[in-house]
PDB file of N, CA and C in Angstrom:
ATOM      1  N   UNK A   1       0.840  -1.175   0.000  1.00  0.00           N
ATOM      2  CA  UNK A   1       0.000   0.000   0.000  1.00  0.00           C
ATOM      3  C   UNK A   1       0.890   1.244   0.000  1.00  0.00           C
ATOM      4  N   UNK A   2       0.502   2.248  -0.770  1.00  0.00           N
ATOM      5  CA  UNK A   2       1.280   3.475  -0.830  1.00  0.00           C
ATOM      6  C   UNK A   2       1.102   4.325   0.413  1.00  0.00           C
ATOM      7  N   UNK A   3       1.909   5.333   0.534  1.00  0.00           N
ATOM      8  CA  UNK A   3       1.831   6.275   1.648  1.00  0.00           C
ATOM      9  C   UNK A   3       0.474   6.967   1.649  1.00  0.00           C
ATOM     10  N   UNK A   4      -0.091   7.132   2.825  1.00  0.00           N
ATOM     11  CA  UNK A   4      -1.388   7.792   2.921  1.00  0.00           C
ATOM     12  C   UNK A   4      -1.217   9.300   2.945  1.00  0.00           C
ATOM     13  N   UNK A   5      -2.012   9.988   2.154  1.00  0.00           N
ATOM     14  CA  UNK A   5      -2.036  11.443   2.111  1.00  0.00           C
ATOM     15  C   UNK A   5      -3.463  11.863   2.418  1.00  0.00           C
ATOM     16  N   UNK A   6      -3.656  12.597   3.501  1.00  0.00           N
ATOM     17  CA  UNK A   6      -5.007  13.012   3.908  1.00  0.00           C
ATOM     18  C   UNK A   6      -5.949  11.815   4.011  1.00  0.00           C
ATOM     19  N   UNK A   7      -5.427  10.665   4.436  1.00  0.00           N
ATOM     20  CA  UNK A   7      -6.257   9.479   4.589  1.00  0.00           C
ATOM     21  C   UNK A   7      -6.455   8.697   3.300  1.00  0.00           C
ATOM     22  N   UNK A   8      -5.844   9.099   2.221  1.00  0.00           N
ATOM     23  CA  UNK A   8      -5.994   8.422   0.934  1.00  0.00           C
ATOM     24  C   UNK A   8      -4.696   7.737   0.557  1.00  0.00           C
ATOM     25  N   UNK A   9      -4.807   6.609  -0.102  1.00  0.00           N
ATOM     26  CA  UNK A   9      -3.631   5.925  -0.612  1.00  0.00           C
ATOM     27  C   UNK A   9      -2.945   6.857  -1.607  1.00  0.00           C
ATOM     28  N   UNK A  10      -1.644   7.059  -1.454  1.00  0.00           N
ATOM     29  CA  UNK A  10      -0.906   8.008  -2.282  1.00  0.00           C
ATOM     30  C   UNK A  10      -0.998   7.676  -3.768  1.00  0.00           C
ATOM     31  N   UNK A  11      -0.968   6.386  -4.129  1.00  0.00           N
ATOM     32  CA  UNK A  11      -1.066   6.015  -5.545  1.00  0.00           C
ATOM     33  C   UNK A  11      -2.406   6.443  -6.129  1.00  0.00           C
ATOM     34  N   UNK A  12      -3.485   6.235  -5.364  1.00  0.00           N
ATOM     35  CA  UNK A  12      -4.803   6.636  -5.835  1.00  0.00           C
ATOM     36  C   UNK A  12      -4.869   8.154  -5.959  1.00  0.00           C
ATOM     37  N   UNK A  13      -4.294   8.828  -4.985  1.00  0.00           N
ATOM     38  CA  UNK A  13      -4.313  10.283  -4.986  1.00  0.00           C
ATOM     39  C   UNK A  13      -3.570  10.834  -6.200  1.00  0.00           C
ATOM     40  N   UNK A  14      -2.412  10.278  -6.501  1.00  0.00           N
ATOM     41  CA  UNK A  14      -1.640  10.729  -7.663  1.00  0.00           C
ATOM     42  C   UNK A  14      -2.378  10.427  -8.965  1.00  0.00           C
ATOM     43  N   UNK A  15      -3.036   9.278  -9.043  1.00  0.00           N
ATOM     44  CA  UNK A  15      -3.829   8.962 -10.241  1.00  0.00           C
ATOM     45  C   UNK A  15      -4.960   9.959 -10.398  1.00  0.00           C
ATOM     46  N   UNK A  16      -5.619  10.292  -9.274  1.00  0.00           N
ATOM     47  CA  UNK A  16      -6.708  11.261  -9.327  1.00  0.00           C
ATOM     48  C   UNK A  16      -6.216  12.583  -9.905  1.00  0.00           C
ATOM     49  N   UNK A  17      -5.120  13.090  -9.395  1.00  0.00           N
ATOM     50  CA  UNK A  17      -4.592  14.368  -9.871  1.00  0.00           C
ATOM     51  C   UNK A  17      -4.260  14.307 -11.359  1.00  0.00           C
ATOM     52  N   UNK A  18      -3.592  13.243 -11.771  1.00  0.00           N
ATOM     53  CA  UNK A  18      -3.201  13.099 -13.178  1.00  0.00           C
ATOM     54  C   UNK A  18      -4.425  12.977 -14.083  1.00  0.00           C
ATOM     55  N   UNK A  19      -5.371  12.135 -13.676  1.00  0.00           N
ATOM     56  CA  UNK A  19      -6.554  11.920 -14.517  1.00  0.00           C
ATOM     57  C   UNK A  19      -7.451  13.149 -14.560  1.00  0.00           C
ATOM     58  N   UNK A  20      -7.571  13.849 -13.457  1.00  0.00           N
ATOM     59  CA  UNK A  20      -8.380  15.065 -13.462  1.00  0.00           C
ATOM     60  C   UNK A  20      -7.807  16.062 -14.457  1.00  0.00           C
ATOM     61  N   UNK A  21      -6.518  16.271 -14.401  1.00  0.00           N
ATOM     62  CA  UNK A  21      -5.878  17.219 -15.323  1.00  0.00           C
ATOM     63  C   UNK A  21      -6.079  16.773 -16.777  1.00  0.00           C
ATOM     64  N   UNK A  22      -5.908  15.480 -17.048  1.00  0.00           N
ATOM     65  CA  UNK A  22      -6.088  14.959 -18.407  1.00  0.00           C
ATOM     66  C   UNK A  22      -7.526  15.136 -18.880  1.00  0.00           C
ATOM     67  N   UNK A  23      -8.484  14.828 -18.010  1.00  0.00           N
ATOM     68  CA  UNK A  23      -9.890  14.916 -18.405  1.00  0.00           C
ATOM     69  C   UNK A  23     -10.331  16.354 -18.637  1.00  0.00           C
ATOM     70  N   UNK A  24      -9.784  17.274 -17.884  1.00  0.00           N
ATOM     71  CA  UNK A  24     -10.103  18.679 -18.128  1.00  0.00           C
ATOM     72  C   UNK A  24      -9.618  19.070 -19.517  1.00  0.00           C
ATOM     73  N   UNK A  25      -8.405  18.658 -19.858  1.00  0.00           N
ATOM     74  CA  UNK A  25      -7.853  18.966 -21.178  1.00  0.00           C
ATOM     75  C   UNK A  25      -8.699  18.323 -22.283  1.00  0.00           C
ATOM     76  N   UNK A  26      -9.057  17.049 -22.100  1.00  0.00           N
ATOM     77  CA  UNK A  26      -9.849  16.339 -23.107  1.00  0.00           C
ATOM     78  C   UNK A  26     -11.251  16.925 -23.267  1.00  0.00           C
ATOM     79  N   UNK A  27     -11.777  17.501 -22.195  1.00  0.00           N
ATOM     80  CA  UNK A  27     -13.139  18.038 -22.242  1.00  0.00           C
ATOM     81  C   UNK A  27     -13.232  19.278 -23.123  1.00  0.00           C
ATOM     82  N   UNK A  28     -12.102  19.963 -23.307  1.00  0.00           N
ATOM     83  CA  UNK A  28     -12.114  21.206 -24.068  1.00  0.00           C
ATOM     84  C   UNK A  28     -12.553  22.401 -23.235  1.00  0.00           C
ATOM     85  N   UNK A  29     -12.896  22.152 -21.961  1.00  0.00           N
ATOM     86  CA  UNK A  29     -13.291  23.246 -21.073  1.00  0.00           C
ATOM     87  C   UNK A  29     -12.048  23.881 -20.455  1.00  0.00           C
ATOM     88  N   UNK A  30     -12.171  25.147 -20.158  1.00  0.00           N
ATOM     89  CA  UNK A  30     -11.138  25.795 -19.357  1.00  0.00           C
ATOM     90  C   UNK A  30     -11.420  25.466 -17.893  1.00  0.00           C
ATOM     91  N   UNK A  31     -10.440  25.685 -17.038  1.00  0.00           N
ATOM     92  CA  UNK A  31     -10.688  25.453 -15.621  1.00  0.00           C
ATOM     93  C   UNK A  31     -11.766  26.418 -15.107  1.00  0.00           C
ATOM     94  N   UNK A  32     -11.852  27.582 -15.690  1.00  0.00           N
ATOM     95  CA  UNK A  32     -12.891  28.536 -15.297  1.00  0.00           C
ATOM     96  C   UNK A  32     -14.274  28.008 -15.657  1.00  0.00           C
ATOM     97  N   UNK A  33     -14.422  27.459 -16.855  1.00  0.00           N
ATOM     98  CA  UNK A  33     -15.709  26.898 -17.263  1.00  0.00           C
ATOM     99  C   UNK A  33     -16.106  25.722 -16.377  1.00  0.00           C
ATOM    100  N   UNK A  34     -15.139  24.857 -16.085  1.00  0.00           N
ATOM    101  CA  UNK A  34     -15.412  23.713 -15.217  1.00  0.00           C
ATOM    102  C   UNK A  34     -15.789  24.195 -13.817  1.00  0.00           C
ATOM    103  N   UNK A  35     -15.069  25.168 -13.318  1.00  0.00           N
ATOM    104  CA  UNK A  35     -15.353  25.703 -11.988  1.00  0.00           C
ATOM    105  C   UNK A  35     -16.782  26.232 -11.910  1.00  0.00           C
ATOM    106  N   UNK A  36     -17.230  26.908 -12.953  1.00  0.00           N
ATOM    107  CA  UNK A  36     -18.597  27.436 -12.972  1.00  0.00           C
ATOM    108  C   UNK A  36     -19.618  26.307 -12.948  1.00  0.00           C
ATOM    109  N   UNK A  37     -19.354  25.231 -13.684  1.00  0.00           N
ATOM    110  CA  UNK A  37     -20.268  24.080 -13.704  1.00  0.00           C
ATOM    111  C   UNK A  37     -20.321  23.381 -12.347  1.00  0.00           C
ATOM    112  N   UNK A  38     -19.194  23.347 -11.669  1.00  0.00           N
ATOM    113  CA  UNK A  38     -19.075  22.600 -10.425  1.00  0.00           C
ATOM    114  C   UNK A  38     -19.447  23.458  -9.211  1.00  0.00           C
ATOM    115  N   UNK A  39     -19.337  24.769  -9.347  1.00  0.00           N
ATOM    116  CA  UNK A  39     -19.686  25.661  -8.252  1.00  0.00           C
ATOM    117  C   UNK A  39     -18.543  25.971  -7.302  1.00  0.00           C
ATOM    118  N   UNK A  40     -17.323  25.958  -7.847  1.00  0.00           N
ATOM    119  CA  UNK A  40     -16.140  26.347  -7.069  1.00  0.00           C
ATOM    120  C   UNK A  40     -15.380  27.402  -7.871  1.00  0.00           C
ATOM    121  N   UNK A  41     -14.294  27.890  -7.313  1.00  0.00           N
ATOM    122  CA  UNK A  41     -13.498  28.895  -8.020  1.00  0.00           C
ATOM    123  C   UNK A  41     -12.515  28.230  -8.986  1.00  0.00           C
ATOM    124  N   UNK A  42     -12.100  28.995  -9.967  1.00  0.00           N
ATOM    125  CA  UNK A  42     -11.096  28.540 -10.932  1.00  0.00           C
ATOM    126  C   UNK A  42      -9.811  28.084 -10.221  1.00  0.00           C
ATOM    127  N   UNK A  43      -9.278  28.880  -9.281  1.00  0.00           N
ATOM    128  CA  UNK A  43      -8.064  28.425  -8.588  1.00  0.00           C
ATOM    129  C   UNK A  43      -8.265  27.117  -7.811  1.00  0.00           C
ATOM    130  N   UNK A  44      -9.482  26.888  -7.317  1.00  0.00           N
ATOM    131  CA  UNK A  44      -9.747  25.653  -6.570  1.00  0.00           C
ATOM    132  C   UNK A  44      -9.610  24.437  -7.492  1.00  0.00           C
ATOM    133  N   UNK A  45     -10.113  24.530  -8.716  1.00  0.00           N
ATOM    134  CA  UNK A  45      -9.965  23.426  -9.670  1.00  0.00           C
ATOM    135  C   UNK A  45      -8.486  23.126  -9.872  1.00  0.00           C
ATOM    136  N   UNK A  46      -7.694  24.148 -10.089  1.00  0.00           N
ATOM    137  CA  UNK A  46      -6.256  23.967 -10.285  1.00  0.00           C
ATOM    138  C   UNK A  46      -5.614  23.328  -9.062  1.00  0.00           C
ATOM    139  N   UNK A  47      -6.037  23.738  -7.880  1.00  0.00           N
ATOM    140  CA  UNK A  47      -5.479  23.162  -6.654  1.00  0.00           C
ATOM    141  C   UNK A  47      -5.748  21.663  -6.557  1.00  0.00           C
ATOM    142  N   UNK A  48      -6.863  21.203  -7.080  1.00  0.00           N
ATOM    143  CA  UNK A  48      -7.189  19.776  -7.006  1.00  0.00           C
ATOM    144  C   UNK A  48      -6.153  18.918  -7.727  1.00  0.00           C
ATOM    145  N   UNK A  49      -5.537  19.435  -8.787  1.00  0.00           N
ATOM    146  CA  UNK A  49      -4.540  18.603  -9.487  1.00  0.00           C
ATOM    147  C   UNK A  49      -3.100  19.073  -9.307  1.00  0.00           C
ATOM    148  N   UNK A  50      -2.881  20.115  -8.504  1.00  0.00           N
ATOM    149  CA  UNK A  50      -1.506  20.575  -8.284  1.00  0.00           C
ATOM    150  C   UNK A  50      -1.076  20.565  -6.820  1.00  0.00           C
ATOM    151  N   UNK A  51      -2.027  20.417  -5.899  1.00  0.00           N
ATOM    152  CA  UNK A  51      -1.700  20.446  -4.471  1.00  0.00           C
ATOM    153  C   UNK A  51      -2.328  19.250  -3.772  1.00  0.00           C
ATOM    154  N   UNK A  52      -2.292  19.262  -2.452  1.00  0.00           N
ATOM    155  CA  UNK A  52      -2.906  18.201  -1.654  1.00  0.00           C
ATOM    156  C   UNK A  52      -4.380  18.463  -1.367  1.00  0.00           C
ATOM    157  N   UNK A  53      -4.946  19.476  -1.961  1.00  0.00           N
ATOM    158  CA  UNK A  53      -6.357  19.815  -1.745  1.00  0.00           C
ATOM    159  C   UNK A  53      -7.242  18.804  -2.450  1.00  0.00           C
ATOM    160  N   UNK A  54      -8.195  18.250  -1.702  1.00  0.00           N
ATOM    161  CA  UNK A  54      -9.136  17.296  -2.272  1.00  0.00           C
ATOM    162  C   UNK A  54     -10.528  17.913  -2.315  1.00  0.00           C
ATOM    163  N   UNK A  55     -11.310  17.588  -3.344  1.00  0.00           N
ATOM    164  CA  UNK A  55     -12.674  18.108  -3.395  1.00  0.00           C
ATOM    165  C   UNK A  55     -13.546  17.405  -2.357  1.00  0.00           C
ATOM    166  N   UNK A  56     -14.596  18.081  -1.939  1.00  0.00           N
ATOM    167  CA  UNK A  56     -15.590  17.442  -1.072  1.00  0.00           C
ATOM    168  C   UNK A  56     -16.310  16.379  -1.895  1.00  0.00           C
ATOM    169  N   UNK A  57     -17.030  15.507  -1.241  1.00  0.00           N
ATOM    170  CA  UNK A  57     -17.760  14.462  -1.965  1.00  0.00           C
ATOM    171  C   UNK A  57     -18.773  15.073  -2.937  1.00  0.00           C
ATOM    172  N   UNK A  58     -19.583  16.058  -2.539  1.00  0.00           N
ATOM    173  CA  UNK A  58     -20.509  16.649  -3.515  1.00  0.00           C
ATOM    174  C   UNK A  58     -19.783  17.299  -4.701  1.00  0.00           C
ATOM    175  N   UNK A  59     -18.660  17.947  -4.441  1.00  0.00           N
ATOM    176  CA  UNK A  59     -17.893  18.568  -5.528  1.00  0.00           C
ATOM    177  C   UNK A  59     -17.282  17.500  -6.421  1.00  0.00           C
ATOM    178  N   UNK A  60     -16.796  16.423  -5.824  1.00  0.00           N
ATOM    179  CA  UNK A  60     -16.242  15.318  -6.605  1.00  0.00           C
ATOM    180  C   UNK A  60     -17.306  14.739  -7.537  1.00  0.00           C
ATOM    181  N   UNK A  61     -18.516  14.573  -7.025  1.00  0.00           N
ATOM    182  CA  UNK A  61     -19.616  14.071  -7.859  1.00  0.00           C
ATOM    183  C   UNK A  61     -19.879  15.026  -9.028  1.00  0.00           C
ATOM    184  N   UNK A  62     -19.879  16.323  -8.754  1.00  0.00           N
ATOM    185  CA  UNK A  62     -20.109  17.312  -9.812  1.00  0.00           C
ATOM    186  C   UNK A  62     -18.981  17.302 -10.837  1.00  0.00           C
ATOM    187  N   UNK A  63     -17.748  17.104 -10.377  1.00  0.00           N
ATOM    188  CA  UNK A  63     -16.616  16.998 -11.311  1.00  0.00           C
ATOM    189  C   UNK A  63     -16.820  15.819 -12.251  1.00  0.00           C
ATOM    190  N   UNK A  64     -17.190  14.677 -11.691  1.00  0.00           N
ATOM    191  CA  UNK A  64     -17.412  13.478 -12.514  1.00  0.00           C
ATOM    192  C   UNK A  64     -18.496  13.722 -13.552  1.00  0.00           C
ATOM    193  N   UNK A  65     -19.593  14.334 -13.123  1.00  0.00           N
ATOM    194  CA  UNK A  65     -20.698  14.605 -14.054  1.00  0.00           C
ATOM    195  C   UNK A  65     -20.287  15.612 -15.135  1.00  0.00           C
ATOM    196  N   UNK A  66     -19.616  16.670 -14.734  1.00  0.00           N
ATOM    197  CA  UNK A  66     -19.218  17.709 -15.689  1.00  0.00           C
ATOM    198  C   UNK A  66     -18.224  17.171 -16.717  1.00  0.00           C
ATOM    199  N   UNK A  67     -17.353  16.261 -16.278  1.00  0.00           N
ATOM    200  CA  UNK A  67     -16.339  15.699 -17.178  1.00  0.00           C
ATOM    201  C   UNK A  67     -16.811  14.411 -17.843  1.00  0.00           C
ATOM    202  N   UNK A  68     -17.988  13.934 -17.463  1.00  0.00           N
ATOM    203  CA  UNK A  68     -18.581  12.714 -18.011  1.00  0.00           C
ATOM    204  C   UNK A  68     -17.647  11.510 -17.837  1.00  0.00           C
ATOM    205  N   UNK A  69     -17.147  11.341 -16.610  1.00  0.00           N
ATOM    206  CA  UNK A  69     -16.307  10.198 -16.267  1.00  0.00           C
ATOM    207  C   UNK A  69     -16.815   9.602 -14.958  1.00  0.00           C
ATOM    208  N   UNK A  70     -16.480   8.345 -14.731  1.00  0.00           N
ATOM    209  CA  UNK A  70     -16.901   7.704 -13.489  1.00  0.00           C
ATOM    210  C   UNK A  70     -15.968   8.078 -12.346  1.00  0.00           C
ATOM    211  N   UNK A  71     -16.492   7.995 -11.142  1.00  0.00           N
ATOM    212  CA  UNK A  71     -15.681   8.220  -9.950  1.00  0.00           C
ATOM    213  C   UNK A  71     -14.555   7.199  -9.897  1.00  0.00           C
ATOM    214  N   UNK A  72     -14.867   5.943 -10.224  1.00  0.00           N
ATOM    215  CA  UNK A  72     -13.846   4.892 -10.211  1.00  0.00           C
ATOM    216  C   UNK A  72     -12.700   5.230 -11.161  1.00  0.00           C
ATOM    217  N   UNK A  73     -13.024   5.784 -12.319  1.00  0.00           N
ATOM    218  CA  UNK A  73     -11.974   6.144 -13.274  1.00  0.00           C
ATOM    219  C   UNK A  73     -11.092   7.256 -12.699  1.00  0.00           C
ATOM    220  N   UNK A  74     -11.705   8.332 -12.196  1.00  0.00           N
ATOM    221  CA  UNK A  74     -10.905   9.441 -11.661  1.00  0.00           C
ATOM    222  C   UNK A  74     -10.027   9.004 -10.491  1.00  0.00           C
ATOM    223  N   UNK A  75     -10.512   8.032  -9.722  1.00  0.00           N
ATOM    224  CA  UNK A  75      -9.741   7.547  -8.580  1.00  0.00           C
ATOM    225  C   UNK A  75      -8.701   6.497  -8.962  1.00  0.00           C
ATOM    226  N   UNK A  76      -8.711   6.068 -10.225  1.00  0.00           N
ATOM    227  CA  UNK A  76      -7.735   5.087 -10.675  1.00  0.00           C
ATOM    228  C   UNK A  76      -8.111   3.663 -10.331  1.00  0.00           C
ATOM    229  N   UNK A  77      -9.381   3.431  -9.995  1.00  0.00           N
ATOM    230  CA  UNK A  77      -9.831   2.078  -9.656  1.00  0.00           C
ATOM    231  C   UNK A  77     -10.157   1.262 -10.902  1.00  0.00           C
ATOM    232  N   UNK A  78     -10.362   1.949 -12.011  1.00  0.00           N
ATOM    233  CA  UNK A  78     -10.613   1.308 -13.289  1.00  0.00           C
ATOM    234  C   UNK A  78      -9.990   2.160 -14.386  1.00  0.00           C
ATOM    235  N   UNK A  79      -9.717   1.540 -15.505  1.00  0.00           N
ATOM    236  CA  UNK A  79      -9.146   2.288 -16.623  1.00  0.00           C
ATOM    237  C   UNK A  79     -10.202   2.629 -17.658  1.00  0.00           C
ATOM    238  N   UNK A  80     -11.458   2.378 -17.352  1.00  0.00           N
ATOM    239  CA  UNK A  80     -12.551   2.662 -18.291  1.00  0.00           C
ATOM    240  C   UNK A  80     -13.381   3.815 -17.812  1.00  0.00           C
TER     241      UNK A  80
END
């Protein structure tokens, strides 16, 4: 098991950050557009994939819906 960061397995956390950044790019949305859809600030979206800041569960759900990806995919539990 990887090192825990904020109670999360470090490998899962790193996959989340990488996949979130990739999915934002693939979506064609800017971080500002995504932030508006999710109801957070533009800098907060950036913090999710560049720092140790994690979204709340409701925000995480909104991210998944806005990016049209599963929670399992963003967390690295599946590759689909």
